[in-house]
Amino acid sequence: MSDLKLFSTLGVVSVLEELLPRLGVTVDAVYEPTKRLMERIQAGERADLAILTSEAVDELMASGVLAPGSRVDLARSYVGMAVAPGAPRPDISTVEAFRQTLQAAKTIGYSRAGASGIFFAGLLERMGLAEEVNAKATVIPAGFTGQLLLDGKVELAVQQVSELMAVPGIDILGKIPMEIQPDTIFSAGLFAGTARAAEARDFVAMIAAASVAPLYAEKGLEPV
């Protein structure tokens, strides 16, 4: 029998890449930012299950694309910032320090389609920094912004902490201040009409098990 087909946000890739071999499980996975996956789903693509932001899962359940009541929360995610290895480590411990770091940086990278990038673009607007920061920003369509640091293209990278941790070698400064953090939860849901609902539910139970909580924490996520 073929593997379960999974659509998953990049935010939990590092967890799944370590967990699934440990469990002896393989999946036919598409890993992309939630926004990109939503575009594919809205265009008619289907899988057996999806791991997306909780808001996206709720939207797809409301429209009947995902099975009602199938949402299972996996982990809370936080937006962070990183620099290249050996680079100076600017202060982001307070909102004002974060503002000053953004203003002082010569180059900044973030992702256009990821949940963190959508949030960050809105945060810049709310802080009155959009024009100033975007003038020196490299905005990638998808992928890991930490790679921009290793390539020498930017001096600061913004993304979910779990996604920054997926790029070995970069120096993660930590989370941006909690006062301005988004409330991002990654959740799983089953596609309505999948012929493999029982297998998909078993899969979700495995990745949501209490025994997996330490791995989520190790990968920069907060188990829920």
C-alpha atoms as a PDB file:
ATOM      1  CA  MET A   1       0.000   0.000   0.000  1.00  0.00           C
ATOM      2  CA  SER A   2       1.254   3.510  -0.762  1.00  0.00           C
ATOM      3  CA  ASP A   3       2.297   5.900   1.977  1.00  0.00           C
ATOM      4  CA  LEU A   4      -0.127   8.349   3.532  1.00  0.00           C
ATOM      5  CA  LYS A   5      -0.069  11.650   1.667  1.00  0.00           C
ATOM      6  CA  LEU A   6       0.742  14.572   3.923  1.00  0.00           C
ATOM      7  CA  PHE A   7       0.692  18.311   3.348  1.00  0.00           C
ATOM      8  CA  SER A   8       2.780  19.925   6.102  1.00  0.00           C
ATOM      9  CA  THR A   9       3.990  23.364   7.063  1.00  0.00           C
ATOM     10  CA  LEU A  10       7.752  23.851   7.221  1.00  0.00           C
ATOM     11  CA  GLY A  11       7.438  24.633  10.926  1.00  0.00           C
ATOM     12  CA  VAL A  12       7.393  20.965  11.957  1.00  0.00           C
ATOM     13  CA  VAL A  13       9.724  19.521   9.303  1.00  0.00           C
ATOM     14  CA  SER A  14      12.627  19.053  11.702  1.00  0.00           C
ATOM     15  CA  VAL A  15      10.372  17.176  14.142  1.00  0.00           C
ATOM     16  CA  LEU A  16       8.946  14.863  11.496  1.00  0.00           C
ATOM     17  CA  GLU A  17      12.315  14.189   9.868  1.00  0.00           C
ATOM     18  CA  GLU A  18      13.641  12.877  13.176  1.00  0.00           C
ATOM     19  CA  LEU A  19      10.457  11.298  14.526  1.00  0.00           C
ATOM     20  CA  LEU A  20       9.164   9.301  11.562  1.00  0.00           C
ATOM     21  CA  PRO A  21      12.278   7.144  11.039  1.00  0.00           C
ATOM     22  CA  ARG A  22      12.295   6.512  14.779  1.00  0.00           C
ATOM     23  CA  LEU A  23       8.709   5.252  14.495  1.00  0.00           C
ATOM     24  CA  GLY A  24       9.440   3.305  11.321  1.00  0.00           C
ATOM     25  CA  VAL A  25       6.874   5.389   9.429  1.00  0.00           C
ATOM     26  CA  THR A  26       7.162   6.886   5.942  1.00  0.00           C
ATOM     27  CA  VAL A  27       4.842   9.378   4.292  1.00  0.00           C
ATOM     28  CA  ASP A  28       4.449  10.942   0.888  1.00  0.00           C
ATOM     29  CA  ALA A  29       4.981  14.488   2.136  1.00  0.00           C
ATOM     30  CA  VAL A  30       4.784  17.945   0.621  1.00  0.00           C
ATOM     31  CA  TYR A  31       6.537  20.460   2.889  1.00  0.00           C
ATOM     32  CA  GLU A  32       5.714  24.097   2.167  1.00  0.00           C
ATOM     33  CA  PRO A  33       4.571  27.200   4.051  1.00  0.00           C
ATOM     34  CA  THR A  34       0.928  27.155   5.133  1.00  0.00           C
ATOM     35  CA  LYS A  35       0.007  29.876   2.639  1.00  0.00           C
ATOM     36  CA  ARG A  36       1.437  27.876  -0.262  1.00  0.00           C
ATOM     37  CA  LEU A  37      -0.327  24.708   0.884  1.00  0.00           C
ATOM     38  CA  MET A  38      -3.611  26.599   1.221  1.00  0.00           C
ATOM     39  CA  GLU A  39      -3.237  27.797  -2.373  1.00  0.00           C
ATOM     40  CA  ARG A  40      -2.710  24.212  -3.540  1.00  0.00           C
ATOM     41  CA  ILE A  41      -5.688  22.971  -1.561  1.00  0.00           C
ATOM     42  CA  GLN A  42      -7.914  25.789  -2.793  1.00  0.00           C
ATOM     43  CA  ALA A  43      -6.857  24.854  -6.325  1.00  0.00           C
ATOM     44  CA  GLY A  44      -8.196  21.345  -5.729  1.00  0.00           C
ATOM     45  CA  GLU A  45      -5.185  19.344  -4.542  1.00  0.00           C
ATOM     46  CA  ARG A  46      -5.875  16.813  -1.809  1.00  0.00           C
ATOM     47  CA  ALA A  47      -3.982  14.560   0.589  1.00  0.00           C
ATOM     48  CA  ASP A  48      -4.905  12.283   3.469  1.00  0.00           C
ATOM     49  CA  LEU A  49      -4.010  14.784   6.172  1.00  0.00           C
ATOM     50  CA  ALA A  50      -2.489  18.206   6.678  1.00  0.00           C
ATOM     51  CA  ILE A  51      -0.427  19.999   9.303  1.00  0.00           C
ATOM     52  CA  LEU A  52      -1.047  23.732   9.075  1.00  0.00           C
ATOM     53  CA  THR A  53      -1.633  26.687  11.365  1.00  0.00           C
ATOM     54  CA  SER A  54      -4.685  26.196  13.552  1.00  0.00           C
ATOM     55  CA  GLU A  55      -6.447  29.065  11.760  1.00  0.00           C
ATOM     56  CA  ALA A  56      -5.944  27.359   8.400  1.00  0.00           C
ATOM     57  CA  VAL A  57      -7.182  24.025   9.752  1.00  0.00           C
ATOM     58  CA  ASP A  58     -10.292  25.706  11.162  1.00  0.00           C
ATOM     59  CA  GLU A  59     -10.926  27.474   7.845  1.00  0.00           C
ATOM     60  CA  LEU A  60     -10.661  24.229   5.902  1.00  0.00           C
ATOM     61  CA  MET A  61     -12.930  22.399   8.354  1.00  0.00           C
ATOM     62  CA  ALA A  62     -15.513  25.177   8.080  1.00  0.00           C
ATOM     63  CA  SER A  63     -15.504  24.833   4.290  1.00  0.00           C
ATOM     64  CA  GLY A  64     -15.754  21.032   4.445  1.00  0.00           C
ATOM     65  CA  VAL A  65     -12.305  20.351   2.975  1.00  0.00           C
ATOM     66  CA  LEU A  66     -11.029  18.907   6.246  1.00  0.00           C
ATOM     67  CA  ALA A  67     -13.196  16.581   8.299  1.00  0.00           C
ATOM     68  CA  PRO A  68     -15.152  18.346  11.059  1.00  0.00           C
ATOM     69  CA  GLY A  69     -13.718  17.698  14.500  1.00  0.00           C
ATOM     70  CA  SER A  70     -10.445  16.303  13.159  1.00  0.00           C
ATOM     71  CA  ARG A  71      -8.234  19.148  14.390  1.00  0.00           C
ATOM     72  CA  VAL A  72      -5.484  18.033  16.779  1.00  0.00           C
ATOM     73  CA  ASP A  73      -3.136  20.709  18.122  1.00  0.00           C
ATOM     74  CA  LEU A  74       0.532  19.715  18.074  1.00  0.00           C
ATOM     75  CA  ALA A  75       2.703  22.623  19.178  1.00  0.00           C
ATOM     76  CA  ARG A  76       2.877  26.364  19.648  1.00  0.00           C
ATOM     77  CA  SER A  77       5.473  28.183  17.575  1.00  0.00           C
ATOM     78  CA  TYR A  78       7.373  31.401  18.202  1.00  0.00           C
ATOM     79  CA  VAL A  79       9.020  33.854  15.823  1.00  0.00           C
ATOM     80  CA  GLY A  80      12.732  34.366  16.334  1.00  0.00           C
ATOM     81  CA  MET A  81      15.771  36.000  14.818  1.00  0.00           C
ATOM     82  CA  ALA A  82      19.220  34.704  13.902  1.00  0.00           C
ATOM     83  CA  VAL A  83      22.587  35.923  12.665  1.00  0.00           C
ATOM     84  CA  ALA A  84      25.452  34.292  10.815  1.00  0.00           C
ATOM     85  CA  PRO A  85      27.951  32.243  12.829  1.00  0.00           C
ATOM     86  CA  GLY A  86      30.486  34.494  14.535  1.00  0.00           C
ATOM     87  CA  ALA A  87      28.542  37.678  13.785  1.00  0.00           C
ATOM     88  CA  PRO A  88      27.753  40.259  16.488  1.00  0.00           C
ATOM     89  CA  ARG A  89      24.626  39.366  18.488  1.00  0.00           C
ATOM     90  CA  PRO A  90      22.288  42.380  18.646  1.00  0.00           C
ATOM     91  CA  ASP A  91      19.791  42.812  21.473  1.00  0.00           C
ATOM     92  CA  ILE A  92      16.176  41.766  20.797  1.00  0.00           C
ATOM     93  CA  SER A  93      15.144  41.315  24.438  1.00  0.00           C
ATOM     94  CA  THR A  94      12.682  44.221  24.517  1.00  0.00           C
ATOM     95  CA  VAL A  95      10.397  45.786  21.939  1.00  0.00           C
ATOM     96  CA  GLU A  96      12.537  48.929  21.839  1.00  0.00           C
ATOM     97  CA  ALA A  97      15.765  46.916  21.486  1.00  0.00           C
ATOM     98  CA  PHE A  98      14.124  44.869  18.735  1.00  0.00           C
ATOM     99  CA  ARG A  99      13.121  48.088  16.951  1.00  0.00           C
ATOM    100  CA  GLN A 100      16.649  49.467  17.186  1.00  0.00           C
ATOM    101  CA  THR A 101      18.117  46.199  15.900  1.00  0.00           C
ATOM    102  CA  LEU A 102      15.812  46.267  12.876  1.00  0.00           C
ATOM    103  CA  GLN A 103      16.757  49.874  12.171  1.00  0.00           C
ATOM    104  CA  ALA A 104      20.497  49.295  12.593  1.00  0.00           C
ATOM    105  CA  ALA A 105      20.673  46.206  10.378  1.00  0.00           C
ATOM    106  CA  LYS A 106      21.905  46.720   6.832  1.00  0.00           C
ATOM    107  CA  THR A 107      20.087  43.649   5.473  1.00  0.00           C
ATOM    108  CA  ILE A 108      17.235  41.475   6.767  1.00  0.00           C
ATOM    109  CA  GLY A 109      15.679  38.294   5.379  1.00  0.00           C
ATOM    110  CA  TYR A 110      12.181  36.903   5.834  1.00  0.00           C
ATOM    111  CA  SER A 111       9.793  34.618   3.970  1.00  0.00           C
ATOM    112  CA  ARG A 112       6.859  35.903   1.957  1.00  0.00           C
ATOM    113  CA  ALA A 113       4.623  32.827   2.200  1.00  0.00           C
ATOM    114  CA  GLY A 114       5.388  31.516   5.676  1.00  0.00           C
ATOM    115  CA  ALA A 115       3.256  32.262   8.710  1.00  0.00           C
ATOM    116  CA  SER A 116       6.202  34.095  10.277  1.00  0.00           C
ATOM    117  CA  GLY A 117       6.772  36.208   7.183  1.00  0.00           C
ATOM    118  CA  ILE A 118       3.119  37.202   6.905  1.00  0.00           C
ATOM    119  CA  PHE A 119       3.154  38.103  10.583  1.00  0.00           C
ATOM    120  CA  PHE A 120       6.464  39.994  10.286  1.00  0.00           C
ATOM    121  CA  ALA A 121       5.242  42.056   7.340  1.00  0.00           C
ATOM    122  CA  GLY A 122       2.204  43.077   9.382  1.00  0.00           C
ATOM    123  CA  LEU A 123       4.350  43.762  12.450  1.00  0.00           C
ATOM    124  CA  LEU A 124       6.533  46.132  10.444  1.00  0.00           C
ATOM    125  CA  GLU A 125       3.406  48.027   9.418  1.00  0.00           C
ATOM    126  CA  ARG A 126       2.177  48.226  13.021  1.00  0.00           C
ATOM    127  CA  MET A 127       5.595  49.442  14.203  1.00  0.00           C
ATOM    128  CA  GLY A 128       5.817  52.031  11.449  1.00  0.00           C
ATOM    129  CA  LEU A 129       8.935  50.383  10.031  1.00  0.00           C
ATOM    130  CA  ALA A 130       7.623  48.787   6.848  1.00  0.00           C
ATOM    131  CA  GLU A 131       9.121  51.209   4.352  1.00  0.00           C
ATOM    132  CA  GLU A 132      12.472  51.436   6.150  1.00  0.00           C
ATOM    133  CA  VAL A 133      12.952  47.703   6.667  1.00  0.00           C
ATOM    134  CA  ASN A 134      11.544  46.478   3.368  1.00  0.00           C
ATOM    135  CA  ALA A 135      13.928  48.769   1.510  1.00  0.00           C
ATOM    136  CA  LYS A 136      16.793  46.604   2.790  1.00  0.00           C
ATOM    137  CA  ALA A 137      14.992  43.266   3.043  1.00  0.00           C
ATOM    138  CA  THR A 138      15.456  40.095   1.023  1.00  0.00           C
ATOM    139  CA  VAL A 139      12.046  38.417   0.951  1.00  0.00           C
ATOM    140  CA  ILE A 140      12.194  34.807  -0.220  1.00  0.00           C
ATOM    141  CA  PRO A 141       9.075  33.164  -1.707  1.00  0.00           C
ATOM    142  CA  ALA A 142       9.452  30.107   0.545  1.00  0.00           C
ATOM    143  CA  GLY A 143      12.124  28.049   2.301  1.00  0.00           C
ATOM    144  CA  PHE A 144      14.440  28.705   5.233  1.00  0.00           C
ATOM    145  CA  THR A 145      15.656  32.252   5.792  1.00  0.00           C
ATOM    146  CA  GLY A 146      18.640  30.946   7.782  1.00  0.00           C
ATOM    147  CA  GLN A 147      20.202  29.844   4.515  1.00  0.00           C
ATOM    148  CA  LEU A 148      20.450  33.517   3.530  1.00  0.00           C
ATOM    149  CA  LEU A 149      22.777  34.017   6.512  1.00  0.00           C
ATOM    150  CA  LEU A 150      25.057  31.179   5.445  1.00  0.00           C
ATOM    151  CA  ASP A 151      25.080  32.531   1.887  1.00  0.00           C
ATOM    152  CA  GLY A 152      26.118  35.967   3.145  1.00  0.00           C
ATOM    153  CA  LYS A 153      23.028  37.631   1.683  1.00  0.00           C
ATOM    154  CA  VAL A 154      21.627  39.099   4.907  1.00  0.00           C
ATOM    155  CA  GLU A 155      22.857  39.857   8.410  1.00  0.00           C
ATOM    156  CA  LEU A 156      19.558  39.144  10.188  1.00  0.00           C
ATOM    157  CA  ALA A 157      17.041  36.377   9.471  1.00  0.00           C
ATOM    158  CA  VAL A 158      13.488  36.267  10.823  1.00  0.00           C
ATOM    159  CA  GLN A 159      11.403  33.078  10.915  1.00  0.00           C
ATOM    160  CA  GLN A 160       9.773  30.587  13.257  1.00  0.00           C
ATOM    161  CA  VAL A 161      12.414  29.431  15.769  1.00  0.00           C
ATOM    162  CA  SER A 162      11.820  25.826  14.665  1.00  0.00           C
ATOM    163  CA  GLU A 163      12.559  26.819  11.065  1.00  0.00           C
ATOM    164  CA  LEU A 164      15.699  28.727  12.038  1.00  0.00           C
ATOM    165  CA  MET A 165      16.847  25.619  13.908  1.00  0.00           C
ATOM    166  CA  ALA A 166      16.455  23.605  10.709  1.00  0.00           C
ATOM    167  CA  VAL A 167      19.522  25.400   9.295  1.00  0.00           C
ATOM    168  CA  PRO A 168      22.642  24.047  11.053  1.00  0.00           C
ATOM    169  CA  GLY A 169      25.376  26.501  11.922  1.00  0.00           C
ATOM    170  CA  ILE A 170      23.503  29.779  12.250  1.00  0.00           C
ATOM    171  CA  ASP A 171      23.390  31.632  15.570  1.00  0.00           C
ATOM    172  CA  ILE A 172      19.831  31.967  16.869  1.00  0.00           C
ATOM    173  CA  LEU A 173      19.402  35.068  19.019  1.00  0.00           C
ATOM    174  CA  GLY A 174      16.140  33.789  20.475  1.00  0.00           C
ATOM    175  CA  LYS A 175      12.486  34.746  20.326  1.00  0.00           C
ATOM    176  CA  ILE A 176      11.337  38.251  19.597  1.00  0.00           C
ATOM    177  CA  PRO A 177       9.656  39.883  22.644  1.00  0.00           C
ATOM    178  CA  MET A 178       6.567  38.067  23.882  1.00  0.00           C
ATOM    179  CA  GLU A 179       4.490  41.265  23.815  1.00  0.00           C
ATOM    180  CA  ILE A 180       4.609  41.222  20.022  1.00  0.00           C
ATOM    181  CA  GLN A 181       4.631  37.463  19.388  1.00  0.00           C
ATOM    182  CA  PRO A 182       1.820  35.995  17.284  1.00  0.00           C
ATOM    183  CA  ASP A 183      -0.217  33.139  18.772  1.00  0.00           C
ATOM    184  CA  THR A 184       0.747  30.464  16.263  1.00  0.00           C
ATOM    185  CA  ILE A 185      -0.292  26.855  16.833  1.00  0.00           C
ATOM    186  CA  PHE A 186       0.433  24.090  14.349  1.00  0.00           C
ATOM    187  CA  SER A 187      -2.423  21.605  14.100  1.00  0.00           C
ATOM    188  CA  ALA A 188      -3.210  18.440  12.172  1.00  0.00           C
ATOM    189  CA  GLY A 189      -6.452  17.685  10.369  1.00  0.00           C
ATOM    190  CA  LEU A 190      -7.798  14.905   8.160  1.00  0.00           C
ATOM    191  CA  PHE A 191      -9.071  15.566   4.665  1.00  0.00           C
ATOM    192  CA  ALA A 192     -12.783  14.874   4.360  1.00  0.00           C
ATOM    193  CA  GLY A 193     -13.409  11.797   2.265  1.00  0.00           C
ATOM    194  CA  THR A 194      -9.952  10.286   2.577  1.00  0.00           C
ATOM    195  CA  ALA A 195     -10.178   6.527   2.175  1.00  0.00           C
ATOM    196  CA  ARG A 196      -7.451   6.150   4.778  1.00  0.00           C
ATOM    197  CA  ALA A 197      -9.022   8.009   7.682  1.00  0.00           C
ATOM    198  CA  ALA A 198      -8.203   5.325  10.260  1.00  0.00           C
ATOM    199  CA  GLU A 199      -4.529   5.264   9.253  1.00  0.00           C
ATOM    200  CA  ALA A 200      -4.399   9.054   9.208  1.00  0.00           C
ATOM    201  CA  ARG A 201      -5.911   9.224  12.713  1.00  0.00           C
ATOM    202  CA  ASP A 202      -3.324   6.723  13.949  1.00  0.00           C
ATOM    203  CA  PHE A 203      -0.569   8.820  12.397  1.00  0.00           C
ATOM    204  CA  VAL A 204      -1.831  11.978  14.103  1.00  0.00           C
ATOM    205  CA  ALA A 205      -2.053  10.137  17.427  1.00  0.00           C
ATOM    206  CA  MET A 206       1.594   9.124  17.070  1.00  0.00           C
ATOM    207  CA  ILE A 207       2.887  12.617  16.339  1.00  0.00           C
ATOM    208  CA  ALA A 208       0.684  14.150  19.067  1.00  0.00           C
ATOM    209  CA  ALA A 209       1.635  11.633  21.762  1.00  0.00           C
ATOM    210  CA  ALA A 210       2.886  12.967  25.091  1.00  0.00           C
ATOM    211  CA  SER A 211       6.103  10.996  24.586  1.00  0.00           C
ATOM    212  CA  VAL A 212       6.925  13.206  21.587  1.00  0.00           C
ATOM    213  CA  ALA A 213       6.666  16.468  23.567  1.00  0.00           C
ATOM    214  CA  PRO A 214      10.414  16.588  24.385  1.00  0.00           C
ATOM    215  CA  LEU A 215      11.259  16.393  20.686  1.00  0.00           C
ATOM    216  CA  TYR A 216       8.979  19.336  19.858  1.00  0.00           C
ATOM    217  CA  ALA A 217      10.675  21.318  22.628  1.00  0.00           C
ATOM    218  CA  GLU A 218      14.126  20.317  21.362  1.00  0.00           C
ATOM    219  CA  LYS A 219      13.198  21.631  17.922  1.00  0.00           C
ATOM    220  CA  GLY A 220      12.131  25.055  19.195  1.00  0.00           C
ATOM    221  CA  LEU A 221       8.395  24.411  19.588  1.00  0.00           C
ATOM    222  CA  GLU A 222       6.208  24.395  22.696  1.00  0.00           C
ATOM    223  CA  PRO A 223       4.078  21.248  23.019  1.00  0.00           C
ATOM    224  CA  VAL A 224       0.382  21.900  23.633  1.00  0.00           C
END
